Amino acid sequence: MTTTNSKSTAPNPEATGAMEFITLDHVAREAGIPPREARMMLRLAAKQTKQYPNLGKEHEPRQPWQWLPGSKGLEEARKALSPAV
């Protein structure tokens, strides 16, 4: 008696690298600040919905800060972490 393995053949996006996210650690290194400080700054910026409307919408509570490349939330995060001129 033989049995067949009924595994799904759908590709896992995480395994293939199709879903590449830009993480808080990467954005914090770009800005030259520690990740802990960057998280605090992003939490404050996410509350400012007029200045950063997409930053709070794209982030889920208790989830890591991560963005798809080219997203509006990523642009706002970089803006929030950039030094004030």
N, C-alpha and C. Protein backbone atom coordinates (compact mmCIF):
# COMPACT_ATOMS: atom_id res chain seq x y z
N MET A 1 0.84 -1.17 0.00
CA MET A 1 0.00 0.00 0.00
C MET A 1 0.89 1.24 0.00
N THR A 2 0.65 2.13 -0.91
CA THR A 2 1.44 3.35 -0.99
C THR A 2 0.56 4.55 -0.64
N THR A 3 1.18 5.51 -0.05
CA THR A 3 0.46 6.74 0.28
C THR A 3 1.11 7.90 -0.46
N THR A 4 0.32 8.84 -0.79
CA THR A 4 0.85 10.03 -1.46
C THR A 4 0.90 11.17 -0.48
N ASN A 5 1.88 11.96 -0.63
CA ASN A 5 2.04 13.12 0.22
C ASN A 5 1.27 14.27 -0.41
N SER A 6 0.33 14.83 0.30
CA SER A 6 -0.52 15.88 -0.26
C SER A 6 -0.08 17.27 0.23
N LYS A 7 1.16 17.59 0.01
CA LYS A 7 1.67 18.91 0.38
C LYS A 7 1.25 19.92 -0.67
N SER A 8 1.06 21.12 -0.22
CA SER A 8 0.69 22.20 -1.14
C SER A 8 1.92 22.58 -1.96
N THR A 9 1.72 22.79 -3.24
CA THR A 9 2.83 23.17 -4.11
C THR A 9 2.90 24.68 -4.31
N ALA A 10 2.07 25.44 -3.62
CA ALA A 10 2.11 26.90 -3.73
C ALA A 10 3.41 27.40 -3.13
N PRO A 11 4.10 28.28 -3.82
CA PRO A 11 5.36 28.79 -3.29
C PRO A 11 5.14 29.68 -2.08
N ASN A 12 6.00 29.54 -1.12
CA ASN A 12 5.96 30.38 0.08
C ASN A 12 6.66 31.69 -0.24
N PRO A 13 5.96 32.84 -0.15
CA PRO A 13 6.60 34.10 -0.52
C PRO A 13 7.80 34.43 0.35
N GLU A 14 7.78 34.01 1.62
CA GLU A 14 8.91 34.29 2.48
C GLU A 14 10.12 33.44 2.09
N ALA A 15 9.89 32.23 1.66
CA ALA A 15 10.98 31.34 1.29
C ALA A 15 11.62 31.76 -0.03
N THR A 16 10.82 32.28 -0.95
CA THR A 16 11.35 32.66 -2.25
C THR A 16 11.92 34.07 -2.26
N GLY A 17 11.63 34.84 -1.21
CA GLY A 17 12.15 36.20 -1.15
C GLY A 17 11.27 37.19 -1.91
N ALA A 18 10.05 36.80 -2.26
CA ALA A 18 9.16 37.68 -3.00
C ALA A 18 8.70 38.86 -2.15
N MET A 19 8.56 38.65 -0.86
CA MET A 19 8.10 39.71 0.04
C MET A 19 9.30 40.27 0.79
N GLU A 20 10.02 41.16 0.19
CA GLU A 20 11.15 41.79 0.84
C GLU A 20 10.68 43.05 1.55
N PHE A 21 10.87 43.09 2.84
CA PHE A 21 10.49 44.25 3.63
C PHE A 21 11.73 45.03 4.03
N ILE A 22 11.57 46.32 4.21
CA ILE A 22 12.61 47.16 4.77
C ILE A 22 12.26 47.32 6.24
N THR A 23 13.17 46.95 7.11
CA THR A 23 12.89 46.93 8.55
C THR A 23 13.33 48.22 9.22
N LEU A 24 12.89 48.36 10.44
CA LEU A 24 13.26 49.51 11.25
C LEU A 24 14.77 49.58 11.43
N ASP A 25 15.41 48.44 11.61
CA ASP A 25 16.86 48.41 11.80
C ASP A 25 17.58 49.03 10.62
N HIS A 26 17.13 48.72 9.42
CA HIS A 26 17.75 49.28 8.21
C HIS A 26 17.56 50.79 8.14
N VAL A 27 16.35 51.26 8.40
CA VAL A 27 16.06 52.70 8.33
C VAL A 27 16.80 53.44 9.43
N ALA A 28 16.91 52.83 10.61
CA ALA A 28 17.64 53.47 11.71
C ALA A 28 19.13 53.59 11.38
N ARG A 29 19.70 52.56 10.75
CA ARG A 29 21.11 52.64 10.34
C ARG A 29 21.32 53.74 9.32
N GLU A 30 20.35 53.90 8.38
CA GLU A 30 20.45 54.97 7.39
C GLU A 30 20.47 56.33 8.08
N ALA A 31 19.64 56.48 9.12
CA ALA A 31 19.54 57.75 9.82
C ALA A 31 20.67 57.95 10.83
N GLY A 32 21.39 56.86 11.16
CA GLY A 32 22.50 56.95 12.10
C GLY A 32 22.06 57.05 13.55
N ILE A 33 20.94 56.44 13.88
CA ILE A 33 20.45 56.44 15.26
C ILE A 33 20.19 55.01 15.70
N PRO A 34 20.21 54.77 17.01
CA PRO A 34 19.94 53.41 17.50
C PRO A 34 18.49 53.00 17.22
N PRO A 35 18.24 51.72 16.98
CA PRO A 35 16.87 51.25 16.69
C PRO A 35 15.88 51.57 17.81
N ARG A 36 16.31 51.50 19.04
CA ARG A 36 15.40 51.80 20.16
C ARG A 36 14.91 53.24 20.08
N GLU A 37 15.82 54.15 19.83
CA GLU A 37 15.45 55.56 19.70
C GLU A 37 14.54 55.78 18.48
N ALA A 38 14.82 55.06 17.40
CA ALA A 38 14.01 55.17 16.19
C ALA A 38 12.58 54.70 16.45
N ARG A 39 12.43 53.62 17.21
CA ARG A 39 11.08 53.15 17.55
C ARG A 39 10.31 54.19 18.34
N MET A 40 10.97 54.82 19.30
CA MET A 40 10.31 55.85 20.09
C MET A 40 9.89 57.02 19.20
N MET A 41 10.76 57.42 18.30
CA MET A 41 10.45 58.53 17.41
C MET A 41 9.29 58.19 16.48
N LEU A 42 9.26 56.95 15.98
CA LEU A 42 8.19 56.55 15.08
C LEU A 42 6.85 56.45 15.80
N ARG A 43 6.87 56.02 17.06
CA ARG A 43 5.62 55.97 17.82
C ARG A 43 5.03 57.37 17.97
N LEU A 44 5.89 58.34 18.26
CA LEU A 44 5.42 59.72 18.39
C LEU A 44 4.95 60.27 17.05
N ALA A 45 5.68 59.97 15.99
CA ALA A 45 5.32 60.46 14.67
C ALA A 45 4.01 59.85 14.18
N ALA A 46 3.75 58.60 14.51
CA ALA A 46 2.53 57.93 14.06
C ALA A 46 1.29 58.58 14.67
N LYS A 47 1.44 59.23 15.80
CA LYS A 47 0.32 59.92 16.43
C LYS A 47 0.01 61.26 15.75
N GLN A 48 0.96 61.78 14.99
CA GLN A 48 0.77 63.04 14.28
C GLN A 48 0.18 62.74 12.90
N THR A 49 -1.12 62.51 12.87
CA THR A 49 -1.77 62.04 11.65
C THR A 49 -1.81 63.09 10.54
N LYS A 50 -1.75 64.36 10.89
CA LYS A 50 -1.76 65.38 9.84
C LYS A 50 -0.43 65.43 9.10
N GLN A 51 0.65 65.29 9.83
CA GLN A 51 1.98 65.36 9.22
C GLN A 51 2.39 64.03 8.59
N TYR A 52 2.02 62.91 9.22
CA TYR A 52 2.40 61.57 8.75
C TYR A 52 1.14 60.69 8.65
N PRO A 53 0.28 60.91 7.66
CA PRO A 53 -0.99 60.18 7.61
C PRO A 53 -0.85 58.68 7.35
N ASN A 54 0.14 58.25 6.62
CA ASN A 54 0.28 56.82 6.27
C ASN A 54 1.09 56.04 7.29
N LEU A 55 1.89 56.70 8.08
CA LEU A 55 2.77 56.00 9.01
C LEU A 55 1.96 55.21 10.03
N GLY A 56 0.95 55.80 10.61
CA GLY A 56 0.13 55.10 11.59
C GLY A 56 -0.81 54.08 10.96
N LYS A 57 -1.25 54.35 9.74
CA LYS A 57 -2.17 53.43 9.08
C LYS A 57 -1.50 52.13 8.69
N GLU A 58 -0.24 52.18 8.28
CA GLU A 58 0.45 50.99 7.80
C GLU A 58 1.04 50.14 8.91
N HIS A 59 1.13 50.69 10.12
CA HIS A 59 1.75 49.92 11.22
C HIS A 59 0.68 49.30 12.09
N GLU A 60 0.83 48.00 12.34
CA GLU A 60 -0.06 47.27 13.23
C GLU A 60 0.54 47.28 14.64
N PRO A 61 -0.26 47.54 15.66
CA PRO A 61 0.26 47.50 17.04
C PRO A 61 0.85 46.14 17.38
N ARG A 62 1.91 46.17 18.13
CA ARG A 62 2.63 44.97 18.59
C ARG A 62 3.23 44.14 17.46
N GLN A 63 3.46 44.77 16.33
CA GLN A 63 4.12 44.14 15.20
C GLN A 63 5.39 44.92 14.88
N PRO A 64 6.37 44.29 14.27
CA PRO A 64 7.60 45.02 13.96
C PRO A 64 7.35 46.12 12.92
N TRP A 65 8.14 47.16 13.02
CA TRP A 65 8.08 48.24 12.03
C TRP A 65 8.76 47.72 10.77
N GLN A 66 8.01 47.59 9.70
CA GLN A 66 8.56 47.16 8.42
C GLN A 66 7.67 47.69 7.31
N TRP A 67 8.30 47.95 6.16
CA TRP A 67 7.60 48.56 5.05
C TRP A 67 8.01 47.88 3.75
N LEU A 68 7.11 47.92 2.79
CA LEU A 68 7.45 47.48 1.44
C LEU A 68 8.26 48.58 0.78
N PRO A 69 9.25 48.24 -0.04
CA PRO A 69 10.03 49.27 -0.73
C PRO A 69 9.14 50.17 -1.57
N GLY A 70 9.35 51.47 -1.44
CA GLY A 70 8.60 52.44 -2.23
C GLY A 70 7.26 52.84 -1.64
N SER A 71 6.92 52.33 -0.45
CA SER A 71 5.62 52.66 0.13
C SER A 71 5.65 54.07 0.73
N LYS A 72 4.47 54.66 0.86
CA LYS A 72 4.35 56.00 1.43
C LYS A 72 4.74 56.00 2.90
N GLY A 73 4.43 54.91 3.59
CA GLY A 73 4.80 54.79 5.00
C GLY A 73 6.31 54.81 5.20
N LEU A 74 7.04 54.18 4.29
CA LEU A 74 8.50 54.18 4.36
C LEU A 74 9.06 55.58 4.16
N GLU A 75 8.51 56.31 3.20
CA GLU A 75 8.95 57.68 2.98
C GLU A 75 8.70 58.54 4.22
N GLU A 76 7.54 58.36 4.85
CA GLU A 76 7.21 59.13 6.04
C GLU A 76 8.10 58.73 7.22
N ALA A 77 8.44 57.45 7.33
CA ALA A 77 9.33 57.00 8.40
C ALA A 77 10.71 57.62 8.24
N ARG A 78 11.22 57.63 7.02
CA ARG A 78 12.52 58.24 6.78
C ARG A 78 12.49 59.73 7.09
N LYS A 79 11.38 60.37 6.74
CA LYS A 79 11.23 61.81 7.02
C LYS A 79 11.17 62.05 8.53
N ALA A 80 10.46 61.20 9.25
CA ALA A 80 10.33 61.36 10.70
C ALA A 80 11.65 61.12 11.41
N LEU A 81 12.50 60.25 10.86
CA LEU A 81 13.77 59.93 11.51
C LEU A 81 14.92 60.82 11.04
N SER A 82 14.68 61.62 10.02
CA SER A 82 15.75 62.50 9.55
C SER A 82 15.93 63.65 10.54
N PRO A 83 17.17 64.14 10.68
CA PRO A 83 17.41 65.23 11.61
C PRO A 83 16.72 66.51 11.13
N ALA A 84 16.22 67.27 12.09
CA ALA A 84 15.55 68.53 11.75
C ALA A 84 16.58 69.53 11.25
N VAL A 85 16.22 70.22 10.19
CA VAL A 85 17.15 71.18 9.56
C VAL A 85 16.94 72.54 10.16
